[in-house]
PDB file of N, CA and C in Angstrom:
ATOM      1  N   MET A   1      87.454 100.538  95.485  1.00  0.00           N
ATOM      2  CA  MET A   1      86.859  99.869  96.615  1.00  0.00           C
ATOM      3  C   MET A   1      85.395 100.282  96.685  1.00  0.00           C
ATOM      4  N   SER A   2      84.560  99.345  97.061  1.00  0.00           N
ATOM      5  CA  SER A   2      83.122  99.601  97.060  1.00  0.00           C
ATOM      6  C   SER A   2      82.703 100.434  98.272  1.00  0.00           C
ATOM      7  N   LEU A   3      81.617 101.128  98.098  1.00  0.00           N
ATOM      8  CA  LEU A   3      81.056 101.936  99.170  1.00  0.00           C
ATOM      9  C   LEU A   3      80.624 101.049 100.335  1.00  0.00           C
ATOM     10  N   GLY A   4      80.078  99.872 100.021  1.00  0.00           N
ATOM     11  CA  GLY A   4      79.651  98.943 101.062  1.00  0.00           C
ATOM     12  C   GLY A   4      80.798  98.506 101.960  1.00  0.00           C
ATOM     13  N   PHE A   5      81.960  98.266 101.361  1.00  0.00           N
ATOM     14  CA  PHE A   5      83.122  97.841 102.150  1.00  0.00           C
ATOM     15  C   PHE A   5      83.603  98.973 103.054  1.00  0.00           C
ATOM     16  N   LYS A   6      83.566 100.203 102.548  1.00  0.00           N
ATOM     17  CA  LYS A   6      83.956 101.353 103.371  1.00  0.00           C
ATOM     18  C   LYS A   6      82.995 101.522 104.544  1.00  0.00           C
ATOM     19  N   LEU A   7      81.700 101.364 104.279  1.00  0.00           N
ATOM     20  CA  LEU A   7      80.711 101.474 105.353  1.00  0.00           C
ATOM     21  C   LEU A   7      80.882 100.357 106.379  1.00  0.00           C
ATOM     22  N   TYR A   8      81.125  99.129 105.899  1.00  0.00           N
ATOM     23  CA  TYR A   8      81.349  98.007 106.807  1.00  0.00           C
ATOM     24  C   TYR A   8      82.550  98.288 107.708  1.00  0.00           C
ATOM     25  N   SER A   9      83.630  98.784 107.117  1.00  0.00           N
ATOM     26  CA  SER A   9      84.837  99.081 107.893  1.00  0.00           C
ATOM     27  C   SER A   9      84.566 100.172 108.919  1.00  0.00           C
ATOM     28  N   PHE A  10      83.787 101.174 108.544  1.00  0.00           N
ATOM     29  CA  PHE A  10      83.493 102.282 109.451  1.00  0.00           C
ATOM     30  C   PHE A  10      82.644 101.833 110.637  1.00  0.00           C
ATOM     31  N   PHE A  11      81.594 101.054 110.371  1.00  0.00           N
ATOM     32  CA  PHE A  11      80.665 100.681 111.438  1.00  0.00           C
ATOM     33  C   PHE A  11      81.097  99.456 112.234  1.00  0.00           C
ATOM     34  N   ASN A  12      81.780  98.504 111.614  1.00  0.00           N
ATOM     35  CA  ASN A  12      82.104  97.242 112.287  1.00  0.00           C
ATOM     36  C   ASN A  12      83.564  97.097 112.673  1.00  0.00           C
ATOM     37  N   GLY A  13      84.410  98.019 112.260  1.00  0.00           N
ATOM     38  CA  GLY A  13      85.827  97.862 112.528  1.00  0.00           C
ATOM     39  C   GLY A  13      86.399  98.964 113.391  1.00  0.00           C
ATOM     40  N   ASN A  14      87.477  98.630 114.073  1.00  0.00           N
ATOM     41  CA  ASN A  14      88.278  99.612 114.794  1.00  0.00           C
ATOM     42  C   ASN A  14      89.545  99.848 113.993  1.00  0.00           C
ATOM     43  N   LEU A  15      89.819 101.102 113.655  1.00  0.00           N
ATOM     44  CA  LEU A  15      91.044 101.435 112.943  1.00  0.00           C
ATOM     45  C   LEU A  15      92.208 101.234 113.896  1.00  0.00           C
ATOM     46  N   VAL A  16      93.127 100.343 113.531  1.00  0.00           N
ATOM     47  CA  VAL A  16      94.266 100.023 114.377  1.00  0.00           C
ATOM     48  C   VAL A  16      95.471 100.866 113.989  1.00  0.00           C
ATOM     49  N   HIS A  17      95.671 101.022 112.686  1.00  0.00           N
ATOM     50  CA  HIS A  17      96.867 101.734 112.226  1.00  0.00           C
ATOM     51  C   HIS A  17      96.680 102.170 110.783  1.00  0.00           C
ATOM     52  N   GLN A  18      97.341 103.262 110.419  1.00  0.00           N
ATOM     53  CA  GLN A  18      97.443 103.685 109.027  1.00  0.00           C
ATOM     54  C   GLN A  18      98.923 103.851 108.737  1.00  0.00           C
ATOM     55  N   ASP A  19      99.430 103.102 107.747  1.00  0.00           N
ATOM     56  CA  ASP A  19     100.861 103.161 107.455  1.00  0.00           C
ATOM     57  C   ASP A  19     101.194 104.360 106.577  1.00  0.00           C
ATOM     58  N   SER A  20     102.472 104.532 106.303  1.00  0.00           N
ATOM     59  CA  SER A  20     102.936 105.695 105.546  1.00  0.00           C
ATOM     60  C   SER A  20     102.476 105.670 104.094  1.00  0.00           C
ATOM     61  N   LEU A  21     102.054 104.514 103.594  1.00  0.00           N
ATOM     62  CA  LEU A  21     101.556 104.411 102.224  1.00  0.00           C
ATOM     63  C   LEU A  21     100.080 104.785 102.125  1.00  0.00           C
ATOM     64  N   GLY A  22      99.398 104.844 103.266  1.00  0.00           N
ATOM     65  CA  GLY A  22      97.979 105.179 103.279  1.00  0.00           C
ATOM     66  C   GLY A  22      97.070 103.983 103.478  1.00  0.00           C
ATOM     67  N   ASN A  23      97.628 102.769 103.598  1.00  0.00           N
ATOM     68  CA  ASN A  23      96.825 101.578 103.873  1.00  0.00           C
ATOM     69  C   ASN A  23      96.286 101.667 105.297  1.00  0.00           C
ATOM     70  N   LYS A  24      95.016 101.291 105.489  1.00  0.00           N
ATOM     71  CA  LYS A  24      94.392 101.343 106.812  1.00  0.00           C
ATOM     72  C   LYS A  24      94.114  99.926 107.286  1.00  0.00           C
ATOM     73  N   TYR A  25      94.490  99.647 108.535  1.00  0.00           N
ATOM     74  CA  TYR A  25      94.368  98.311 109.108  1.00  0.00           C
ATOM     75  C   TYR A  25      93.297  98.325 110.189  1.00  0.00           C
ATOM     76  N   TYR A  26      92.362  97.372 110.094  1.00  0.00           N
ATOM     77  CA  TYR A  26      91.221  97.291 111.001  1.00  0.00           C
ATOM     78  C   TYR A  26      91.152  95.927 111.663  1.00  0.00           C
ATOM     79  N   HIS A  27      90.484  95.891 112.831  1.00  0.00           N
ATOM     80  CA  HIS A  27      90.035  94.617 113.387  1.00  0.00           C
ATOM     81  C   HIS A  27      88.586  94.790 113.809  1.00  0.00           C
ATOM     82  N   ASP A  28      87.857  93.675 113.844  1.00  0.00           N
ATOM     83  CA  ASP A  28      86.432  93.674 114.146  1.00  0.00           C
ATOM     84  C   ASP A  28      86.207  94.138 115.581  1.00  0.00           C
ATOM     85  N   LYS A  29      85.158  94.920 115.804  1.00  0.00           N
ATOM     86  CA  LYS A  29      84.855  95.423 117.146  1.00  0.00           C
ATOM     87  C   LYS A  29      84.502  94.302 118.113  1.00  0.00           C
ATOM     88  N   ASN A  30      83.862  93.238 117.621  1.00  0.00           N
ATOM     89  CA  ASN A  30      83.419  92.143 118.485  1.00  0.00           C
ATOM     90  C   ASN A  30      84.403  90.987 118.529  1.00  0.00           C
ATOM     91  N   ASN A  31      85.242  90.848 117.522  1.00  0.00           N
ATOM     92  CA  ASN A  31      86.159  89.715 117.432  1.00  0.00           C
ATOM     93  C   ASN A  31      87.498  90.238 116.911  1.00  0.00           C
ATOM     94  N   SER A  32      88.443  90.447 117.817  1.00  0.00           N
ATOM     95  CA  SER A  32      89.703  91.085 117.414  1.00  0.00           C
ATOM     96  C   SER A  32      90.572  90.192 116.532  1.00  0.00           C
ATOM     97  N   SER A  33      90.211  88.904 116.374  1.00  0.00           N
ATOM     98  CA  SER A  33      90.999  88.049 115.484  1.00  0.00           C
ATOM     99  C   SER A  33      90.578  88.214 114.023  1.00  0.00           C
ATOM    100  N   LYS A  34      89.453  88.903 113.759  1.00  0.00           N
ATOM    101  CA  LYS A  34      89.047  89.234 112.385  1.00  0.00           C
ATOM    102  C   LYS A  34      89.729  90.539 112.009  1.00  0.00           C
ATOM    103  N   ARG A  35      90.618  90.473 111.020  1.00  0.00           N
ATOM    104  CA  ARG A  35      91.409  91.641 110.645  1.00  0.00           C
ATOM    105  C   ARG A  35      91.369  91.839 109.142  1.00  0.00           C
ATOM    106  N   TRP A  36      91.440  93.070 108.709  1.00  0.00           N
ATOM    107  CA  TRP A  36      91.473  93.359 107.273  1.00  0.00           C
ATOM    108  C   TRP A  36      92.190  94.678 107.030  1.00  0.00           C
ATOM    109  N   VAL A  37      92.482  94.909 105.763  1.00  0.00           N
ATOM    110  CA  VAL A  37      93.170  96.133 105.349  1.00  0.00           C
ATOM    111  C   VAL A  37      92.368  96.801 104.241  1.00  0.00           C
ATOM    112  N   VAL A  38      92.333  98.120 104.277  1.00  0.00           N
ATOM    113  CA  VAL A  38      91.768  98.921 103.196  1.00  0.00           C
ATOM    114  C   VAL A  38      92.962  99.571 102.513  1.00  0.00           C
ATOM    115  N   TYR A  39      93.220  99.149 101.273  1.00  0.00           N
ATOM    116  CA  TYR A  39      94.399  99.623 100.559  1.00  0.00           C
ATOM    117  C   TYR A  39      94.228 101.062 100.100  1.00  0.00           C
ATOM    118  N   ALA A  40      95.329 101.784 100.096  1.00  0.00           N
ATOM    119  CA  ALA A  40      95.350 103.143  99.558  1.00  0.00           C
ATOM    120  C   ALA A  40      95.182 103.071  98.043  1.00  0.00           C
ATOM    121  N   PRO A  41      94.658 104.122  97.433  1.00  0.00           N
ATOM    122  CA  PRO A  41      94.513 104.112  95.971  1.00  0.00           C
ATOM    123  C   PRO A  41      95.855 103.866  95.282  1.00  0.00           C
ATOM    124  N   GLY A  42      95.857 102.951  94.332  1.00  0.00           N
ATOM    125  CA  GLY A  42      97.077 102.636  93.594  1.00  0.00           C
ATOM    126  C   GLY A  42      97.916 101.542  94.221  1.00  0.00           C
ATOM    127  N   PHE A  43      97.497 101.019  95.358  1.00  0.00           N
ATOM    128  CA  PHE A  43      98.247  99.965  96.034  1.00  0.00           C
ATOM    129  C   PHE A  43      97.385  98.721  96.156  1.00  0.00           C
ATOM    130  N   GLY A  44      98.058  97.588  96.385  1.00  0.00           N
ATOM    131  CA  GLY A  44      97.360  96.325  96.531  1.00  0.00           C
ATOM    132  C   GLY A  44      98.098  95.424  97.494  1.00  0.00           C
ATOM    133  N   PRO A  45      97.796  94.137  97.472  1.00  0.00           N
ATOM    134  CA  PRO A  45      98.412  93.202  98.414  1.00  0.00           C
ATOM    135  C   PRO A  45      99.934  93.153  98.341  1.00  0.00           C
ATOM    136  N   ASP A  46     100.513  93.437  97.186  1.00  0.00           N
ATOM    137  CA  ASP A  46     101.973  93.384  97.087  1.00  0.00           C
ATOM    138  C   ASP A  46     102.641  94.556  97.795  1.00  0.00           C
ATOM    139  N   SER A  47     101.865  95.532  98.261  1.00  0.00           N
ATOM    140  CA  SER A  47     102.445  96.680  98.951  1.00  0.00           C
ATOM    141  C   SER A  47     102.521  96.483 100.464  1.00  0.00           C
ATOM    142  N   LEU A  48     102.062  95.335 100.969  1.00  0.00           N
ATOM    143  CA  LEU A  48     102.055  95.117 102.415  1.00  0.00           C
ATOM    144  C   LEU A  48     103.438  94.751 102.932  1.00  0.00           C
ATOM    145  N   PRO A  49     103.943  95.482 103.923  1.00  0.00           N
ATOM    146  CA  PRO A  49     105.176  95.061 104.591  1.00  0.00           C
ATOM    147  C   PRO A  49     104.938  93.760 105.355  1.00  0.00           C
ATOM    148  N   THR A  50     105.993  93.030 105.610  1.00  0.00           N
ATOM    149  CA  THR A  50     105.907  91.708 106.229  1.00  0.00           C
ATOM    150  C   THR A  50     105.201  91.739 107.575  1.00  0.00           C
ATOM    151  N   GLN A  51     105.529  92.703 108.423  1.00  0.00           N
ATOM    152  CA  GLN A  51     104.923  92.758 109.754  1.00  0.00           C
ATOM    153  C   GLN A  51     103.407  92.947 109.671  1.00  0.00           C
ATOM    154  N   PHE A  52     102.960  93.763 108.722  1.00  0.00           N
ATOM    155  CA  PHE A  52     101.529  93.983 108.561  1.00  0.00           C
ATOM    156  C   PHE A  52     100.862  92.717 108.032  1.00  0.00           C
ATOM    157  N   HIS A  53     101.520  92.025 107.121  1.00  0.00           N
ATOM    158  CA  HIS A  53     100.990  90.772 106.575  1.00  0.00           C
ATOM    159  C   HIS A  53     100.839  89.744 107.687  1.00  0.00           C
ATOM    160  N   ASN A  54     101.854  89.613 108.532  1.00  0.00           N
ATOM    161  CA  ASN A  54     101.793  88.663 109.644  1.00  0.00           C
ATOM    162  C   ASN A  54     100.659  89.006 110.603  1.00  0.00           C
ATOM    163  N   TRP A  55     100.457  90.274 110.873  1.00  0.00           N
ATOM    164  CA  TRP A  55      99.376  90.680 111.769  1.00  0.00           C
ATOM    165  C   TRP A  55      98.021  90.356 111.145  1.00  0.00           C
ATOM    166  N   LEU A  56      97.861  90.631 109.859  1.00  0.00           N
ATOM    167  CA  LEU A  56      96.586  90.364 109.184  1.00  0.00           C
ATOM    168  C   LEU A  56      96.214  88.892 109.207  1.00  0.00           C
ATOM    169  N   HIS A  57      97.211  88.014 109.104  1.00  0.00           N
ATOM    170  CA  HIS A  57      96.959  86.574 109.049  1.00  0.00           C
ATOM    171  C   HIS A  57      97.081  85.905 110.414  1.00  0.00           C
ATOM    172  N   ASN A  58      97.029  86.706 111.475  1.00  0.00           N
ATOM    173  CA  ASN A  58      97.073  86.218 112.854  1.00  0.00           C
ATOM    174  C   ASN A  58      98.316  85.403 113.159  1.00  0.00           C
ATOM    175  N   THR A  59      99.395  85.633 112.424  1.00  0.00           N
ATOM    176  CA  THR A  59     100.666  84.983 112.721  1.00  0.00           C
ATOM    177  C   THR A  59     101.333  85.668 113.899  1.00  0.00           C
ATOM    178  N   SER A  60     101.089  86.963 114.029  1.00  0.00           N
ATOM    179  CA  SER A  60     101.683  87.746 115.099  1.00  0.00           C
ATOM    180  C   SER A  60     100.637  88.700 115.658  1.00  0.00           C
ATOM    181  N   ASP A  61     100.638  88.855 116.980  1.00  0.00           N
ATOM    182  CA  ASP A  61      99.766  89.847 117.596  1.00  0.00           C
ATOM    183  C   ASP A  61     100.498  91.160 117.829  1.00  0.00           C
ATOM    184  N   GLU A  62     101.811  91.141 117.603  1.00  0.00           N
ATOM    185  CA  GLU A  62     102.597  92.365 117.734  1.00  0.00           C
ATOM    186  C   GLU A  62     102.199  93.297 116.598  1.00  0.00           C
ATOM    187  N   ILE A  63     101.773  94.473 116.968  1.00  0.00           N
ATOM    188  CA  ILE A  63     101.282  95.391 115.944  1.00  0.00           C
ATOM    189  C   ILE A  63     102.419  96.281 115.480  1.00  0.00           C
ATOM    190  N   PHE A  64     102.863  96.038 114.270  1.00  0.00           N
ATOM    191  CA  PHE A  64     103.657  96.935 113.463  1.00  0.00           C
ATOM    192  C   PHE A  64     105.038  97.307 113.997  1.00  0.00           C
ATOM    193  N   SER A  65     106.002  96.960 113.201  1.00  0.00           N
ATOM    194  CA  SER A  65     107.379  97.366 113.433  1.00  0.00           C
ATOM    195  C   SER A  65     107.676  98.483 112.439  1.00  0.00           C
ATOM    196  N   PHE A  66     107.909  99.680 112.937  1.00  0.00           N
ATOM    197  CA  PHE A  66     108.080 100.823 112.041  1.00  0.00           C
ATOM    198  C   PHE A  66     109.383 100.753 111.262  1.00  0.00           C
ATOM    199  N   ASP A  67     110.424 100.103 111.798  1.00  0.00           N
ATOM    200  CA  ASP A  67     111.673  99.939 111.052  1.00  0.00           C
ATOM    201  C   ASP A  67     111.436  99.090 109.816  1.00  0.00           C
ATOM    202  N   ALA A  68     110.654  98.032 109.955  1.00  0.00           N
ATOM    203  CA  ALA A  68     110.356  97.164 108.813  1.00  0.00           C
ATOM    204  C   ALA A  68     109.542  97.923 107.778  1.00  0.00           C
ATOM    205  N   GLU A  69     108.659  98.790 108.232  1.00  0.00           N
ATOM    206  CA  GLU A  69     107.832  99.558 107.298  1.00  0.00           C
ATOM    207  C   GLU A  69     108.702 100.483 106.454  1.00  0.00           C
ATOM    208  N   GLU A  70     109.668 101.151 107.078  1.00  0.00           N
ATOM    209  CA  GLU A  70     110.522 102.076 106.339  1.00  0.00           C
ATOM    210  C   GLU A  70     111.403 101.346 105.337  1.00  0.00           C
ATOM    211  N   SER A  71     111.950 100.184 105.711  1.00  0.00           N
ATOM    212  CA  SER A  71     112.819  99.456 104.786  1.00  0.00           C
ATOM    213  C   SER A  71     112.019  98.884 103.622  1.00  0.00           C
ATOM    214  N   ASN A  72     110.788  98.465 103.863  1.00  0.00           N
ATOM    215  CA  ASN A  72     109.958  97.931 102.785  1.00  0.00           C
ATOM    216  C   ASN A  72     109.461  99.024 101.854  1.00  0.00           C
ATOM    217  N   GLN A  73     109.343 100.253 102.353  1.00  0.00           N
ATOM    218  CA  GLN A  73     108.850 101.331 101.507  1.00  0.00           C
ATOM    219  C   GLN A  73     109.836 101.610 100.374  1.00  0.00           C
ATOM    220  N   GLU A  74     111.137 101.562 100.656  1.00  0.00           N
ATOM    221  CA  GLU A  74     112.135 101.783  99.610  1.00  0.00           C
ATOM    222  C   GLU A  74     112.027 100.708  98.535  1.00  0.00           C
ATOM    223  N   ASN A  75     111.871  99.445  98.937  1.00  0.00           N
ATOM    224  CA  ASN A  75     111.720  98.362  97.973  1.00  0.00           C
ATOM    225  C   ASN A  75     110.434  98.519  97.174  1.00  0.00           C
ATOM    226  N   LEU A  76     109.374  98.954  97.824  1.00  0.00           N
ATOM    227  CA  LEU A  76     108.096  99.126  97.150  1.00  0.00           C
ATOM    228  C   LEU A  76     108.199 100.189  96.064  1.00  0.00           C
ATOM    229  N   VAL A  77     108.869 101.291  96.375  1.00  0.00           N
ATOM    230  CA  VAL A  77     109.011 102.355  95.382  1.00  0.00           C
ATOM    231  C   VAL A  77     109.781 101.839  94.178  1.00  0.00           C
ATOM    232  N   LYS A  78     110.834 101.075  94.401  1.00  0.00           N
ATOM    233  CA  LYS A  78     111.610 100.513  93.294  1.00  0.00           C
ATOM    234  C   LYS A  78     110.739  99.582  92.460  1.00  0.00           C
ATOM    235  N   ARG A  79     109.936  98.732  93.108  1.00  0.00           N
ATOM    236  CA  ARG A  79     109.087  97.789  92.379  1.00  0.00           C
ATOM    237  C   ARG A  79     108.041  98.519  91.554  1.00  0.00           C
ATOM    238  N   ARG A  80     107.441  99.579  92.112  1.00  0.00           N
ATOM    239  CA  ARG A  80     106.409 100.310  91.370  1.00  0.00           C
ATOM    240  C   ARG A  80     107.006 101.005  90.155  1.00  0.00           C
ATOM    241  N   VAL A  81     108.209 101.573  90.293  1.00  0.00           N
ATOM    242  CA  VAL A  81     108.845 102.242  89.160  1.00  0.00           C
ATOM    243  C   VAL A  81     109.167 101.222  88.084  1.00  0.00           C
ATOM    244  N   GLN A  82     109.704 100.067  88.466  1.00  0.00           N
ATOM    245  CA  GLN A  82     110.041  99.035  87.495  1.00  0.00           C
ATOM    246  C   GLN A  82     108.782  98.522  86.803  1.00  0.00           C
ATOM    247  N   LYS A  83     107.712  98.343  87.542  1.00  0.00           N
ATOM    248  CA  LYS A  83     106.490  97.796  86.969  1.00  0.00           C
ATOM    249  C   LYS A  83     105.921  98.722  85.898  1.00  0.00           C
ATOM    250  N   HIS A  84     106.015 100.026  86.122  1.00  0.00           N
ATOM    251  CA  HIS A  84     105.407 100.967  85.192  1.00  0.00           C
ATOM    252  C   HIS A  84     106.366 101.458  84.118  1.00  0.00           C
ATOM    253  N   SER A  85     107.651 101.179  84.256  1.00  0.00           N
ATOM    254  CA  SER A  85     108.590 101.674  83.258  1.00  0.00           C
ATOM    255  C   SER A  85     108.783 100.693  82.107  1.00  0.00           C
ATOM    256  N   VAL A  86     108.223  99.493  82.211  1.00  0.00           N
ATOM    257  CA  VAL A  86     108.364  98.503  81.145  1.00  0.00           C
ATOM    258  C   VAL A  86     107.400  98.850  80.019  1.00  0.00           C
ATOM    259  N   LYS A  87     107.934  99.024  78.835  1.00  0.00           N
ATOM    260  CA  LYS A  87     107.107  99.339  77.662  1.00  0.00           C
ATOM    261  C   LYS A  87     107.044  98.114  76.766  1.00  0.00           C
ATOM    262  N   HIS A  88     105.884  97.869  76.205  1.00  0.00           N
ATOM    263  CA  HIS A  88     105.737  96.773  75.257  1.00  0.00           C
ATOM    264  C   HIS A  88     106.224  97.235  73.894  1.00  0.00           C
ATOM    265  N   LYS A  89     106.816  96.309  73.174  1.00  0.00           N
ATOM    266  CA  LYS A  89     107.287  96.651  71.835  1.00  0.00           C
ATOM    267  C   LYS A  89     106.083  96.864  70.927  1.00  0.00           C
ATOM    268  N   GLU A  90     106.081  97.972  70.242  1.00  0.00           N
ATOM    269  CA  GLU A  90     104.967  98.258  69.343  1.00  0.00           C
ATOM    270  C   GLU A  90     105.221  97.719  67.942  1.00  0.00           C
ATOM    271  N   THR A  91     106.473  97.429  67.623  1.00  0.00           N
ATOM    272  CA  THR A  91     106.782  96.891  66.299  1.00  0.00           C
ATOM    273  C   THR A  91     106.992  95.395  66.405  1.00  0.00           C
ATOM    274  N   ASN A  92     106.698  94.687  65.350  1.00  0.00           N
ATOM    275  CA  ASN A  92     106.914  93.246  65.327  1.00  0.00           C
ATOM    276  C   ASN A  92     108.402  92.951  65.224  1.00  0.00           C
ATOM    277  N   ASP A  93     108.803  91.834  65.776  1.00  0.00           N
ATOM    278  CA  ASP A  93     110.195  91.419  65.681  1.00  0.00           C
ATOM    279  C   ASP A  93     110.441  90.923  64.257  1.00  0.00           C
ATOM    280  N   LYS A  94     111.273  91.612  63.506  1.00  0.00           N
ATOM    281  CA  LYS A  94     111.481  91.273  62.099  1.00  0.00           C
ATOM    282  C   LYS A  94     112.402  90.075  61.915  1.00  0.00           C
ATOM    283  N   GLY A  95     113.046  89.606  62.971  1.00  0.00           N
ATOM    284  CA  GLY A  95     113.927  88.453  62.859  1.00  0.00           C
ATOM    285  C   GLY A  95     113.190  87.130  62.993  1.00  0.00           C
ATOM    286  N   TYR A  96     111.888  87.168  63.173  1.00  0.00           N
ATOM    287  CA  TYR A  96     111.111  85.948  63.394  1.00  0.00           C
ATOM    288  C   TYR A  96     110.263  85.664  62.164  1.00  0.00           C
ATOM    289  N   ASN A  97     110.378  84.451  61.661  1.00  0.00           N
ATOM    290  CA  ASN A  97     109.543  84.002  60.544  1.00  0.00           C
ATOM    291  C   ASN A  97     108.685  82.849  61.026  1.00  0.00           C
ATOM    292  N   SER A  98     107.381  83.011  60.942  1.00  0.00           N
ATOM    293  CA  SER A  98     106.507  81.941  61.403  1.00  0.00           C
ATOM    294  C   SER A  98     106.544  80.775  60.420  1.00  0.00           C
ATOM    295  N   TRP A  99     106.279  79.590  60.944  1.00  0.00           N
ATOM    296  CA  TRP A  99     106.325  78.372  60.144  1.00  0.00           C
ATOM    297  C   TRP A  99     105.085  78.293  59.274  1.00  0.00           C
ATOM    298  N   GLN A 100     105.268  77.996  58.026  1.00  0.00           N
ATOM    299  CA  GLN A 100     104.164  77.852  57.082  1.00  0.00           C
ATOM    300  C   GLN A 100     104.168  76.428  56.538  1.00  0.00           C
ATOM    301  N   PRO A 101     103.114  75.664  56.719  1.00  0.00           N
ATOM    302  CA  PRO A 101     103.086  74.297  56.190  1.00  0.00           C
ATOM    303  C   PRO A 101     103.032  74.314  54.661  1.00  0.00           C
ATOM    304  N   LYS A 102     103.627  73.272  54.042  1.00  0.00           N
ATOM    305  CA  LYS A 102     103.637  73.190  52.566  1.00  0.00           C
ATOM    306  C   LYS A 102     102.621  72.199  52.073  1.00  0.00           C
TER     307      LYS A 102
END
């Protein structure tokens, strides 16, 4: 994340919540309908629980359901482990013969 974005968040935003993953949720000091998130290192948009996503997109003004956060954290951990445990095959598949024109 850029230094400029961190400074913008510090000076122009009010910290509303920090979830258990380390994501920080802000809204604009002058316009509370402007909302954004600063992701924790190693996380991105796919790590957002549903309630936080709804709040960010102004679908809901209810701020954060902690039960939903805990249930999504278990799924997130499973997804991160699966994403990083997949290894690419380093050897070529010997059962495949490419087509050669005659």
